[in-house]
Amino acid sequence: MKALLQKIAKVAGVVYGYGIMLALVIGGLSFFGYVAALIVGGNTAAAICDFIYKQLYPILVYGSSAIVVLGLIIMYLKGEKALSAEKKKKDGR
């Protein structure tokens, strides 16, 4: 059972990695969209900014949130305790 969970965590880790990378790329591209809107100006700039804010950002926020939850599930499946409040013991000190 533990081996199966490790395999699932490994596959989910690949999905997590690509998901985070995609979220970062889309976030970076939105910056360039705003720069393009600044250069273009006028009604076209307003339309670009409106598209980014109303269409792109909600998808980005929901997608990023889902990827973060997947990352927490992976940590649980691997048995990692990175979010615990326990103090680590120092070796020999």
PDB file of N, CA and C in Angstrom:
ATOM      1  N   MET A   1       0.827  -1.193   0.000  1.00  0.00           N
ATOM      2  CA  MET A   1       0.000   0.000   0.000  1.00  0.00           C
ATOM      3  C   MET A   1       0.870   1.254   0.000  1.00  0.00           C
ATOM      4  N   LYS A   2       1.938   1.222   0.796  1.00  0.00           N
ATOM      5  CA  LYS A   2       2.821   2.376   0.876  1.00  0.00           C
ATOM      6  C   LYS A   2       3.527   2.622  -0.455  1.00  0.00           C
ATOM      7  N   ALA A   3       3.877   1.545  -1.152  1.00  0.00           N
ATOM      8  CA  ALA A   3       4.532   1.679  -2.456  1.00  0.00           C
ATOM      9  C   ALA A   3       3.582   2.295  -3.480  1.00  0.00           C
ATOM     10  N   LEU A   4       2.318   1.927  -3.407  1.00  0.00           N
ATOM     11  CA  LEU A   4       1.326   2.503  -4.311  1.00  0.00           C
ATOM     12  C   LEU A   4       1.161   3.999  -4.053  1.00  0.00           C
ATOM     13  N   LEU A   5       1.125   4.375  -2.782  1.00  0.00           N
ATOM     14  CA  LEU A   5       1.015   5.796  -2.446  1.00  0.00           C
ATOM     15  C   LEU A   5       2.230   6.583  -2.922  1.00  0.00           C
ATOM     16  N   GLN A   6       3.403   5.966  -2.841  1.00  0.00           N
ATOM     17  CA  GLN A   6       4.615   6.637  -3.329  1.00  0.00           C
ATOM     18  C   GLN A   6       4.567   6.825  -4.842  1.00  0.00           C
ATOM     19  N   LYS A   7       4.047   5.839  -5.576  1.00  0.00           N
ATOM     20  CA  LYS A   7       3.926   5.965  -7.025  1.00  0.00           C
ATOM     21  C   LYS A   7       2.924   7.047  -7.400  1.00  0.00           C
ATOM     22  N   ILE A   8       1.799   7.083  -6.676  1.00  0.00           N
ATOM     23  CA  ILE A   8       0.798   8.124  -6.925  1.00  0.00           C
ATOM     24  C   ILE A   8       1.386   9.498  -6.630  1.00  0.00           C
ATOM     25  N   ALA A   9       2.144   9.605  -5.555  1.00  0.00           N
ATOM     26  CA  ALA A   9       2.767  10.877  -5.191  1.00  0.00           C
ATOM     27  C   ALA A   9       3.790  11.301  -6.240  1.00  0.00           C
ATOM     28  N   LYS A  10       4.491  10.340  -6.816  1.00  0.00           N
ATOM     29  CA  LYS A  10       5.489  10.663  -7.839  1.00  0.00           C
ATOM     30  C   LYS A  10       4.816  11.204  -9.096  1.00  0.00           C
ATOM     31  N   VAL A  11       3.752  10.558  -9.542  1.00  0.00           N
ATOM     32  CA  VAL A  11       3.024  11.024 -10.728  1.00  0.00           C
ATOM     33  C   VAL A  11       2.372  12.375 -10.451  1.00  0.00           C
ATOM     34  N   ALA A  12       1.776  12.515  -9.273  1.00  0.00           N
ATOM     35  CA  ALA A  12       1.156  13.790  -8.917  1.00  0.00           C
ATOM     36  C   ALA A  12       2.206  14.895  -8.785  1.00  0.00           C
ATOM     37  N   GLY A  13       3.415  14.531  -8.398  1.00  0.00           N
ATOM     38  CA  GLY A  13       4.496  15.514  -8.309  1.00  0.00           C
ATOM     39  C   GLY A  13       4.864  16.079  -9.672  1.00  0.00           C
ATOM     40  N   VAL A  14       4.806  15.237 -10.694  1.00  0.00           N
ATOM     41  CA  VAL A  14       5.059  15.714 -12.058  1.00  0.00           C
ATOM     42  C   VAL A  14       3.955  16.676 -12.487  1.00  0.00           C
ATOM     43  N   VAL A  15       2.710  16.316 -12.199  1.00  0.00           N
ATOM     44  CA  VAL A  15       1.578  17.193 -12.522  1.00  0.00           C
ATOM     45  C   VAL A  15       1.704  18.515 -11.760  1.00  0.00           C
ATOM     46  N   TYR A  16       2.093  18.428 -10.504  1.00  0.00           N
ATOM     47  CA  TYR A  16       2.282  19.620  -9.677  1.00  0.00           C
ATOM     48  C   TYR A  16       3.365  20.531 -10.265  1.00  0.00           C
ATOM     49  N   GLY A  17       4.472  19.944 -10.672  1.00  0.00           N
ATOM     50  CA  GLY A  17       5.568  20.731 -11.236  1.00  0.00           C
ATOM     51  C   GLY A  17       5.153  21.465 -12.494  1.00  0.00           C
ATOM     52  N   TYR A  18       4.496  20.758 -13.416  1.00  0.00           N
ATOM     53  CA  TYR A  18       4.041  21.403 -14.641  1.00  0.00           C
ATOM     54  C   TYR A  18       2.955  22.443 -14.356  1.00  0.00           C
ATOM     55  N   GLY A  19       2.097  22.167 -13.382  1.00  0.00           N
ATOM     56  CA  GLY A  19       1.043  23.123 -13.041  1.00  0.00           C
ATOM     57  C   GLY A  19       1.596  24.422 -12.479  1.00  0.00           C
ATOM     58  N   ILE A  20       2.574  24.318 -11.587  1.00  0.00           N
ATOM     59  CA  ILE A  20       3.194  25.516 -11.034  1.00  0.00           C
ATOM     60  C   ILE A  20       3.930  26.279 -12.126  1.00  0.00           C
ATOM     61  N   MET A  21       4.618  25.547 -12.992  1.00  0.00           N
ATOM     62  CA  MET A  21       5.340  26.203 -14.088  1.00  0.00           C
ATOM     63  C   MET A  21       4.362  26.939 -15.006  1.00  0.00           C
ATOM     64  N   LEU A  22       3.239  26.333 -15.317  1.00  0.00           N
ATOM     65  CA  LEU A  22       2.228  26.962 -16.163  1.00  0.00           C
ATOM     66  C   LEU A  22       1.651  28.211 -15.491  1.00  0.00           C
ATOM     67  N   ALA A  23       1.378  28.128 -14.194  1.00  0.00           N
ATOM     68  CA  ALA A  23       0.846  29.284 -13.476  1.00  0.00           C
ATOM     69  C   ALA A  23       1.839  30.441 -13.481  1.00  0.00           C
ATOM     70  N   LEU A  24       3.116  30.142 -13.311  1.00  0.00           N
ATOM     71  CA  LEU A  24       4.130  31.192 -13.343  1.00  0.00           C
ATOM     72  C   LEU A  24       4.257  31.808 -14.726  1.00  0.00           C
ATOM     73  N   VAL A  25       4.196  31.002 -15.757  1.00  0.00           N
ATOM     74  CA  VAL A  25       4.297  31.524 -17.125  1.00  0.00           C
ATOM     75  C   VAL A  25       3.092  32.408 -17.447  1.00  0.00           C
ATOM     76  N   ILE A  26       1.904  31.968 -17.098  1.00  0.00           N
ATOM     77  CA  ILE A  26       0.708  32.768 -17.368  1.00  0.00           C
ATOM     78  C   ILE A  26       0.755  34.079 -16.581  1.00  0.00           C
ATOM     79  N   GLY A  27       1.207  34.012 -15.335  1.00  0.00           N
ATOM     80  CA  GLY A  27       1.359  35.242 -14.552  1.00  0.00           C
ATOM     81  C   GLY A  27       2.356  36.193 -15.177  1.00  0.00           C
ATOM     82  N   GLY A  28       3.449  35.670 -15.689  1.00  0.00           N
ATOM     83  CA  GLY A  28       4.439  36.503 -16.365  1.00  0.00           C
ATOM     84  C   GLY A  28       3.908  37.097 -17.655  1.00  0.00           C
ATOM     85  N   LEU A  29       3.156  36.307 -18.399  1.00  0.00           N
ATOM     86  CA  LEU A  29       2.575  36.814 -19.639  1.00  0.00           C
ATOM     87  C   LEU A  29       1.550  37.912 -19.374  1.00  0.00           C
ATOM     88  N   SER A  30       0.868  37.834 -18.249  1.00  0.00           N
ATOM     89  CA  SER A  30      -0.086  38.905 -17.931  1.00  0.00           C
ATOM     90  C   SER A  30       0.645  40.224 -17.716  1.00  0.00           C
ATOM     91  N   PHE A  31       1.845  40.173 -17.160  1.00  0.00           N
ATOM     92  CA  PHE A  31       2.658  41.378 -17.015  1.00  0.00           C
ATOM     93  C   PHE A  31       2.949  41.993 -18.383  1.00  0.00           C
ATOM     94  N   PHE A  32       3.333  41.141 -19.335  1.00  0.00           N
ATOM     95  CA  PHE A  32       3.615  41.650 -20.674  1.00  0.00           C
ATOM     96  C   PHE A  32       2.358  42.166 -21.355  1.00  0.00           C
ATOM     97  N   GLY A  33       1.207  41.612 -21.010  1.00  0.00           N
ATOM     98  CA  GLY A  33      -0.056  42.141 -21.525  1.00  0.00           C
ATOM     99  C   GLY A  33      -0.299  43.551 -21.037  1.00  0.00           C
ATOM    100  N   TYR A  34      -0.004  43.797 -19.752  1.00  0.00           N
ATOM    101  CA  TYR A  34      -0.161  45.146 -19.215  1.00  0.00           C
ATOM    102  C   TYR A  34       0.846  46.117 -19.831  1.00  0.00           C
ATOM    103  N   VAL A  35       2.062  45.647 -20.081  1.00  0.00           N
ATOM    104  CA  VAL A  35       3.060  46.501 -20.738  1.00  0.00           C
ATOM    105  C   VAL A  35       2.609  46.847 -22.154  1.00  0.00           C
ATOM    106  N   ALA A  36       2.070  45.864 -22.874  1.00  0.00           N
ATOM    107  CA  ALA A  36       1.561  46.112 -24.225  1.00  0.00           C
ATOM    108  C   ALA A  36       0.406  47.106 -24.185  1.00  0.00           C
ATOM    109  N   ALA A  37      -0.465  46.987 -23.193  1.00  0.00           N
ATOM    110  CA  ALA A  37      -1.575  47.921 -23.059  1.00  0.00           C
ATOM    111  C   ALA A  37      -1.069  49.328 -22.764  1.00  0.00           C
ATOM    112  N   LEU A  38      -0.018  49.431 -21.987  1.00  0.00           N
ATOM    113  CA  LEU A  38       0.568  50.734 -21.680  1.00  0.00           C
ATOM    114  C   LEU A  38       1.134  51.378 -22.944  1.00  0.00           C
ATOM    115  N   ILE A  39       1.739  50.577 -23.801  1.00  0.00           N
ATOM    116  CA  ILE A  39       2.315  51.100 -25.041  1.00  0.00           C
ATOM    117  C   ILE A  39       1.220  51.487 -26.034  1.00  0.00           C
ATOM    118  N   VAL A  40       0.189  50.638 -26.169  1.00  0.00           N
ATOM    119  CA  VAL A  40      -0.869  50.882 -27.149  1.00  0.00           C
ATOM    120  C   VAL A  40      -1.730  52.070 -26.749  1.00  0.00           C
ATOM    121  N   GLY A  41      -2.202  52.075 -25.526  1.00  0.00           N
ATOM    122  CA  GLY A  41      -3.037  53.167 -25.029  1.00  0.00           C
ATOM    123  C   GLY A  41      -4.450  53.138 -25.587  1.00  0.00           C
ATOM    124  N   GLY A  42      -5.265  54.070 -25.123  1.00  0.00           N
ATOM    125  CA  GLY A  42      -6.630  54.254 -25.624  1.00  0.00           C
ATOM    126  C   GLY A  42      -7.586  53.146 -25.237  1.00  0.00           C
ATOM    127  N   ASN A  43      -8.613  52.994 -26.068  1.00  0.00           N
ATOM    128  CA  ASN A  43      -9.653  51.988 -25.812  1.00  0.00           C
ATOM    129  C   ASN A  43      -9.123  50.567 -25.941  1.00  0.00           C
ATOM    130  N   THR A  44      -8.143  50.383 -26.810  1.00  0.00           N
ATOM    131  CA  THR A  44      -7.556  49.052 -26.969  1.00  0.00           C
ATOM    132  C   THR A  44      -6.852  48.622 -25.686  1.00  0.00           C
ATOM    133  N   ALA A  45      -6.152  49.552 -25.052  1.00  0.00           N
ATOM    134  CA  ALA A  45      -5.476  49.246 -23.786  1.00  0.00           C
ATOM    135  C   ALA A  45      -6.484  48.888 -22.709  1.00  0.00           C
ATOM    136  N   ALA A  46      -7.594  49.622 -22.685  1.00  0.00           N
ATOM    137  CA  ALA A  46      -8.636  49.315 -21.706  1.00  0.00           C
ATOM    138  C   ALA A  46      -9.218  47.929 -21.939  1.00  0.00           C
ATOM    139  N   ALA A  47      -9.376  47.556 -23.194  1.00  0.00           N
ATOM    140  CA  ALA A  47      -9.911  46.227 -23.513  1.00  0.00           C
ATOM    141  C   ALA A  47      -8.925  45.130 -23.113  1.00  0.00           C
ATOM    142  N   ILE A  48      -7.634  45.374 -23.347  1.00  0.00           N
ATOM    143  CA  ILE A  48      -6.611  44.392 -22.958  1.00  0.00           C
ATOM    144  C   ILE A  48      -6.597  44.205 -21.444  1.00  0.00           C
ATOM    145  N   CYS A  49      -6.575  45.316 -20.716  1.00  0.00           N
ATOM    146  CA  CYS A  49      -6.554  45.245 -19.247  1.00  0.00           C
ATOM    147  C   CYS A  49      -7.823  44.592 -18.707  1.00  0.00           C
ATOM    148  N   ASP A  50      -8.949  44.902 -19.319  1.00  0.00           N
ATOM    149  CA  ASP A  50     -10.218  44.311 -18.892  1.00  0.00           C
ATOM    150  C   ASP A  50     -10.203  42.796 -19.114  1.00  0.00           C
ATOM    151  N   PHE A  51      -9.677  42.347 -20.242  1.00  0.00           N
ATOM    152  CA  PHE A  51      -9.583  40.909 -20.515  1.00  0.00           C
ATOM    153  C   PHE A  51      -8.689  40.220 -19.497  1.00  0.00           C
ATOM    154  N   ILE A  52      -7.532  40.813 -19.231  1.00  0.00           N
ATOM    155  CA  ILE A  52      -6.599  40.189 -18.285  1.00  0.00           C
ATOM    156  C   ILE A  52      -7.223  40.100 -16.899  1.00  0.00           C
ATOM    157  N   TYR A  53      -7.854  41.196 -16.460  1.00  0.00           N
ATOM    158  CA  TYR A  53      -8.396  41.240 -15.102  1.00  0.00           C
ATOM    159  C   TYR A  53      -9.636  40.363 -14.933  1.00  0.00           C
ATOM    160  N   LYS A  54     -10.536  40.398 -15.909  1.00  0.00           N
ATOM    161  CA  LYS A  54     -11.816  39.694 -15.746  1.00  0.00           C
ATOM    162  C   LYS A  54     -11.828  38.264 -16.290  1.00  0.00           C
ATOM    163  N   GLN A  55     -10.967  37.958 -17.241  1.00  0.00           N
ATOM    164  CA  GLN A  55     -10.985  36.634 -17.846  1.00  0.00           C
ATOM    165  C   GLN A  55      -9.800  35.772 -17.409  1.00  0.00           C
ATOM    166  N   LEU A  56      -8.604  36.358 -17.411  1.00  0.00           N
ATOM    167  CA  LEU A  56      -7.397  35.573 -17.165  1.00  0.00           C
ATOM    168  C   LEU A  56      -7.131  35.351 -15.676  1.00  0.00           C
ATOM    169  N   TYR A  57      -7.229  36.417 -14.885  1.00  0.00           N
ATOM    170  CA  TYR A  57      -6.896  36.292 -13.464  1.00  0.00           C
ATOM    171  C   TYR A  57      -7.783  35.319 -12.694  1.00  0.00           C
ATOM    172  N   PRO A  58      -9.103  35.284 -12.901  1.00  0.00           N
ATOM    173  CA  PRO A  58      -9.890  34.277 -12.162  1.00  0.00           C
ATOM    174  C   PRO A  58      -9.464  32.845 -12.465  1.00  0.00           C
ATOM    175  N   ILE A  59      -9.168  32.569 -13.729  1.00  0.00           N
ATOM    176  CA  ILE A  59      -8.714  31.226 -14.092  1.00  0.00           C
ATOM    177  C   ILE A  59      -7.370  30.936 -13.432  1.00  0.00           C
ATOM    178  N   LEU A  60      -6.492  31.929 -13.436  1.00  0.00           N
ATOM    179  CA  LEU A  60      -5.169  31.764 -12.840  1.00  0.00           C
ATOM    180  C   LEU A  60      -5.259  31.521 -11.332  1.00  0.00           C
ATOM    181  N   VAL A  61      -6.126  32.241 -10.657  1.00  0.00           N
ATOM    182  CA  VAL A  61      -6.266  32.085  -9.206  1.00  0.00           C
ATOM    183  C   VAL A  61      -6.836  30.705  -8.859  1.00  0.00           C
ATOM    184  N   TYR A  62      -7.889  30.290  -9.555  1.00  0.00           N
ATOM    185  CA  TYR A  62      -8.472  28.976  -9.271  1.00  0.00           C
ATOM    186  C   TYR A  62      -7.500  27.845  -9.616  1.00  0.00           C
ATOM    187  N   GLY A  63      -6.835  27.972 -10.734  1.00  0.00           N
ATOM    188  CA  GLY A  63      -5.874  26.946 -11.128  1.00  0.00           C
ATOM    189  C   GLY A  63      -4.711  26.849 -10.151  1.00  0.00           C
ATOM    190  N   SER A  64      -4.173  27.994  -9.747  1.00  0.00           N
ATOM    191  CA  SER A  64      -3.063  28.003  -8.792  1.00  0.00           C
ATOM    192  C   SER A  64      -3.485  27.421  -7.447  1.00  0.00           C
ATOM    193  N   SER A  65      -4.693  27.730  -7.023  1.00  0.00           N
ATOM    194  CA  SER A  65      -5.193  27.191  -5.757  1.00  0.00           C
ATOM    195  C   SER A  65      -5.317  25.673  -5.821  1.00  0.00           C
ATOM    196  N   ALA A  66      -5.798  25.172  -6.935  1.00  0.00           N
ATOM    197  CA  ALA A  66      -5.922  23.720  -7.094  1.00  0.00           C
ATOM    198  C   ALA A  66      -4.551  23.051  -7.091  1.00  0.00           C
ATOM    199  N   ILE A  67      -3.573  23.689  -7.707  1.00  0.00           N
ATOM    200  CA  ILE A  67      -2.223  23.131  -7.746  1.00  0.00           C
ATOM    201  C   ILE A  67      -1.603  23.137  -6.348  1.00  0.00           C
ATOM    202  N   VAL A  68      -1.858  24.179  -5.571  1.00  0.00           N
ATOM    203  CA  VAL A  68      -1.334  24.220  -4.205  1.00  0.00           C
ATOM    204  C   VAL A  68      -1.955  23.116  -3.353  1.00  0.00           C
ATOM    205  N   VAL A  69      -3.243  22.885  -3.513  1.00  0.00           N
ATOM    206  CA  VAL A  69      -3.899  21.789  -2.789  1.00  0.00           C
ATOM    207  C   VAL A  69      -3.296  20.446  -3.208  1.00  0.00           C
ATOM    208  N   LEU A  70      -3.025  20.291  -4.489  1.00  0.00           N
ATOM    209  CA  LEU A  70      -2.371  19.066  -4.957  1.00  0.00           C
ATOM    210  C   LEU A  70      -1.001  18.905  -4.307  1.00  0.00           C
ATOM    211  N   GLY A  71      -0.261  19.989  -4.176  1.00  0.00           N
ATOM    212  CA  GLY A  71       1.042  19.930  -3.506  1.00  0.00           C
ATOM    213  C   GLY A  71       0.923  19.495  -2.055  1.00  0.00           C
ATOM    214  N   LEU A  72      -0.092  19.983  -1.359  1.00  0.00           N
ATOM    215  CA  LEU A  72      -0.308  19.566   0.034  1.00  0.00           C
ATOM    216  C   LEU A  72      -0.687  18.090   0.121  1.00  0.00           C
ATOM    217  N   ILE A  73      -1.479  17.625  -0.837  1.00  0.00           N
ATOM    218  CA  ILE A  73      -1.838  16.203  -0.866  1.00  0.00           C
ATOM    219  C   ILE A  73      -0.596  15.349  -1.107  1.00  0.00           C
ATOM    220  N   ILE A  74       0.281  15.808  -1.987  1.00  0.00           N
ATOM    221  CA  ILE A  74       1.521  15.083  -2.251  1.00  0.00           C
ATOM    222  C   ILE A  74       2.364  14.999  -0.986  1.00  0.00           C
ATOM    223  N   MET A  75       2.455  16.112  -0.247  1.00  0.00           N
ATOM    224  CA  MET A  75       3.210  16.096   1.009  1.00  0.00           C
ATOM    225  C   MET A  75       2.612  15.084   1.980  1.00  0.00           C
ATOM    226  N   TYR A  76       1.290  15.005   2.038  1.00  0.00           N
ATOM    227  CA  TYR A  76       0.626  14.046   2.919  1.00  0.00           C
ATOM    228  C   TYR A  76       0.922  12.612   2.483  1.00  0.00           C
ATOM    229  N   LEU A  77       0.848  12.353   1.181  1.00  0.00           N
ATOM    230  CA  LEU A  77       1.098  10.995   0.690  1.00  0.00           C
ATOM    231  C   LEU A  77       2.537  10.552   0.920  1.00  0.00           C
ATOM    232  N   LYS A  78       3.474  11.492   0.833  1.00  0.00           N
ATOM    233  CA  LYS A  78       4.881  11.155   1.051  1.00  0.00           C
ATOM    234  C   LYS A  78       5.229  11.066   2.532  1.00  0.00           C
ATOM    235  N   GLY A  79       4.355  11.562   3.382  1.00  0.00           N
ATOM    236  CA  GLY A  79       4.619  11.530   4.814  1.00  0.00           C
ATOM    237  C   GLY A  79       5.500  12.673   5.293  1.00  0.00           C
ATOM    238  N   GLU A  80       5.643  13.706   4.491  1.00  0.00           N
ATOM    239  CA  GLU A  80       6.457  14.860   4.892  1.00  0.00           C
ATOM    240  C   GLU A  80       5.707  15.686   5.925  1.00  0.00           C
ATOM    241  N   LYS A  81       6.469  16.297   6.800  1.00  0.00           N
ATOM    242  CA  LYS A  81       5.862  17.124   7.841  1.00  0.00           C
ATOM    243  C   LYS A  81       6.485  18.518   7.810  1.00  0.00           C
ATOM    244  N   ALA A  82       6.474  19.137   6.647  1.00  0.00           N
ATOM    245  CA  ALA A  82       7.090  20.451   6.481  1.00  0.00           C
ATOM    246  C   ALA A  82       6.258  21.550   7.131  1.00  0.00           C
ATOM    247  N   LEU A  83       4.980  21.327   7.320  1.00  0.00           N
ATOM    248  CA  LEU A  83       4.107  22.364   7.877  1.00  0.00           C
ATOM    249  C   LEU A  83       3.784  22.135   9.348  1.00  0.00           C
ATOM    250  N   SER A  84       4.599  21.348  10.031  1.00  0.00           N
ATOM    251  CA  SER A  84       4.347  21.092  11.447  1.00  0.00           C
ATOM    252  C   SER A  84       5.117  22.083  12.309  1.00  0.00           C
ATOM    253  N   ALA A  85       4.679  22.231  13.533  1.00  0.00           N
ATOM    254  CA  ALA A  85       5.305  23.177  14.449  1.00  0.00           C
ATOM    255  C   ALA A  85       6.362  22.513  15.328  1.00  0.00           C
ATOM    256  N   GLU A  86       6.719  21.275  15.030  1.00  0.00           N
ATOM    257  CA  GLU A  86       7.711  20.569  15.831  1.00  0.00           C
ATOM    258  C   GLU A  86       9.095  21.148  15.612  1.00  0.00           C
ATOM    259  N   LYS A  87       9.890  21.154  16.691  1.00  0.00           N
ATOM    260  CA  LYS A  87      11.271  21.611  16.565  1.00  0.00           C
ATOM    261  C   LYS A  87      12.142  20.432  16.172  1.00  0.00           C
ATOM    262  N   LYS A  88      13.107  20.701  15.308  1.00  0.00           N
ATOM    263  CA  LYS A  88      14.027  19.644  14.906  1.00  0.00           C
ATOM    264  C   LYS A  88      15.095  19.488  15.949  1.00  0.00           C
ATOM    265  N   LYS A  89      15.475  18.234  16.206  1.00  0.00           N
ATOM    266  CA  LYS A  89      16.533  17.955  17.175  1.00  0.00           C
ATOM    267  C   LYS A  89      17.884  18.133  16.499  1.00  0.00           C
ATOM    268  N   LYS A  90      18.796  18.761  17.206  1.00  0.00           N
ATOM    269  CA  LYS A  90      20.142  18.928  16.685  1.00  0.00           C
ATOM    270  C   LYS A  90      20.961  17.696  17.045  1.00  0.00           C
ATOM    271  N   ASP A  91      21.767  17.252  16.112  1.00  0.00           N
ATOM    272  CA  ASP A  91      22.579  16.055  16.333  1.00  0.00           C
ATOM    273  C   ASP A  91      23.754  16.352  17.255  1.00  0.00           C
ATOM    274  N   GLY A  92      23.789  15.692  18.398  1.00  0.00           N
ATOM    275  CA  GLY A  92      24.918  15.770  19.317  1.00  0.00           C
ATOM    276  C   GLY A  92      25.118  17.102  20.014  1.00  0.00           C
ATOM    277  N   ARG A  93      24.113  17.927  20.038  1.00  0.00           N
ATOM    278  CA  ARG A  93      24.266  19.238  20.671  1.00  0.00           C
ATOM    279  C   ARG A  93      23.226  19.483  21.712  1.00  0.00           C
TER     280      ARG A  93
END
